[in-house]
């Protein structure tokens, strides 16, 4: 009995057009929202008696859509995505620490948790 070997020849133009479609933004946003929930769960909340804005950092997480330019063969190609940001003025200190504020790193921990969950 003869065995047939399937072959696939991808067309870069078709794949590129697919990667530029707006519906591809949905899975990117879903992953960013999942990471947002993980980051909010580990975000520190200050003591109301000492902190003027307790909970500001935790409430400042947001997921924004982005279109990133990823050049292919020297030509610009825009790809959809999503970015998790924290707009609190002290977000950098909470993430990295600075001597006065310890390093909590909720965004880094959320990213590592999500990566570990999707490893094979």
Protein backbone atom coordinates (compact mmCIF):
# COMPACT_ATOMS: atom_id res chain seq x y z
CA UNK A 1 0.00 0.00 0.00
CA UNK A 2 1.59 3.33 -1.02
CA UNK A 3 2.12 5.98 1.62
CA UNK A 4 1.43 9.55 0.77
CA UNK A 5 3.31 12.36 2.35
CA UNK A 6 1.41 15.56 2.83
CA UNK A 7 3.18 18.78 1.97
CA UNK A 8 2.49 22.35 2.88
CA UNK A 9 3.88 25.38 1.13
CA UNK A 10 3.06 28.56 2.99
CA UNK A 11 2.44 31.82 1.23
CA UNK A 12 4.00 34.69 3.13
CA UNK A 13 1.57 37.18 1.64
CA UNK A 14 -1.44 35.22 2.92
CA UNK A 15 0.06 34.66 6.36
CA UNK A 16 1.00 38.34 6.56
CA UNK A 17 -2.53 39.43 5.67
CA UNK A 18 -3.93 37.08 8.30
CA UNK A 19 -1.59 38.53 10.97
CA UNK A 20 -2.84 42.03 10.15
CA UNK A 21 -6.52 41.25 10.71
CA UNK A 22 -8.25 42.92 13.67
CA UNK A 23 -9.74 39.63 14.93
CA UNK A 24 -6.23 38.54 15.87
CA UNK A 25 -6.30 41.21 18.56
CA UNK A 26 -8.81 39.16 20.60
CA UNK A 27 -6.40 36.39 21.70
CA UNK A 28 -3.74 39.00 22.50
CA UNK A 29 -6.21 40.95 24.62
CA UNK A 30 -7.38 37.76 26.34
CA UNK A 31 -3.82 36.94 27.42
CA UNK A 32 -3.25 40.52 28.64
CA UNK A 33 -6.51 40.50 30.64
CA UNK A 34 -5.52 37.19 32.23
CA UNK A 35 -2.16 38.70 33.17
CA UNK A 36 -3.96 41.77 34.54
CA UNK A 37 -5.95 39.59 36.95
CA UNK A 38 -2.78 37.87 38.12
CA UNK A 39 -1.00 41.20 38.63
CA UNK A 40 -3.93 42.69 40.55
CA UNK A 41 -3.96 39.68 42.85
CA UNK A 42 -0.34 40.24 43.90
CA UNK A 43 -0.34 44.07 43.81
CA UNK A 44 0.45 45.70 47.16
CA UNK A 45 -2.08 47.95 48.86
CA UNK A 46 -0.77 50.58 51.25
CA UNK A 47 -1.93 51.10 54.82
CA UNK A 48 -4.62 53.84 54.80
CA UNK A 49 -3.12 55.46 57.90
CA UNK A 50 0.32 55.87 56.29
CA UNK A 51 -0.44 55.94 52.55
CA UNK A 52 -2.24 58.93 51.01
CA UNK A 53 -3.47 56.78 48.10
CA UNK A 54 -4.03 53.21 49.31
CA UNK A 55 -4.99 50.89 46.46
CA UNK A 56 -4.05 53.37 43.72
CA UNK A 57 -1.45 51.03 42.22
CA UNK A 58 -3.83 48.06 42.22
CA UNK A 59 -6.59 50.11 40.57
CA UNK A 60 -4.29 51.55 37.87
CA UNK A 61 -3.83 48.41 35.72
CA UNK A 62 -5.20 48.68 32.20
CA UNK A 63 -5.07 46.69 28.96
CA UNK A 64 -4.63 48.77 25.81
CA UNK A 65 -4.64 47.57 22.19
CA UNK A 66 -1.50 48.24 20.17
CA UNK A 67 -0.41 47.98 16.55
CA UNK A 68 3.28 47.16 16.49
CA UNK A 69 5.47 47.67 13.45
CA UNK A 70 7.40 44.45 12.76
CA UNK A 71 9.35 44.82 9.51
CA UNK A 72 9.42 41.85 7.14
CA UNK A 73 11.91 41.85 4.28
CA UNK A 74 12.58 45.54 4.84
CA UNK A 75 8.95 46.64 4.58
CA UNK A 76 6.83 47.79 7.52
CA UNK A 77 4.19 45.33 8.70
CA UNK A 78 1.76 46.29 11.43
CA UNK A 79 0.68 43.52 13.80
CA UNK A 80 -2.10 43.73 16.39
CA UNK A 81 -1.42 43.09 20.05
CA UNK A 82 -2.28 44.19 23.57
CA UNK A 83 -0.23 45.80 26.32
CA UNK A 84 -0.76 45.63 30.07
CA UNK A 85 0.19 48.93 31.70
CA UNK A 86 0.01 50.51 35.11
CA UNK A 87 -0.55 54.26 35.07
CA UNK A 88 0.13 54.92 38.75
CA UNK A 89 2.87 57.53 39.22
CA UNK A 90 4.83 55.19 41.50
CA UNK A 91 4.46 52.06 39.31
CA UNK A 92 8.16 51.87 38.47
CA UNK A 93 9.11 51.91 42.17
CA UNK A 94 6.64 49.15 43.01
CA UNK A 95 7.86 47.00 40.12
CA UNK A 96 11.61 47.51 40.56
CA UNK A 97 12.11 48.88 44.09
CA UNK A 98 14.30 51.86 44.91
CA UNK A 99 15.61 51.40 48.46
CA UNK A 100 12.64 53.11 50.13
CA UNK A 101 10.08 50.86 48.44
CA UNK A 102 10.78 47.11 48.27
CA UNK A 103 10.64 45.32 44.92
CA UNK A 104 7.16 43.76 44.65
CA UNK A 105 7.29 43.07 40.87
CA UNK A 106 3.62 42.12 40.32
CA UNK A 107 3.86 42.47 36.52
CA UNK A 108 6.98 40.30 36.37
CA UNK A 109 5.40 37.67 38.62
CA UNK A 110 2.20 37.65 36.53
CA UNK A 111 4.21 37.20 33.34
CA UNK A 112 6.24 34.35 34.82
CA UNK A 113 3.11 32.63 36.16
CA UNK A 114 1.39 32.83 32.78
CA UNK A 115 4.50 31.54 30.97
CA UNK A 116 4.76 28.60 33.39
CA UNK A 117 1.09 27.74 32.92
CA UNK A 118 1.49 27.53 29.13
CA UNK A 119 4.74 25.57 29.02
CA UNK A 120 4.44 22.14 27.57
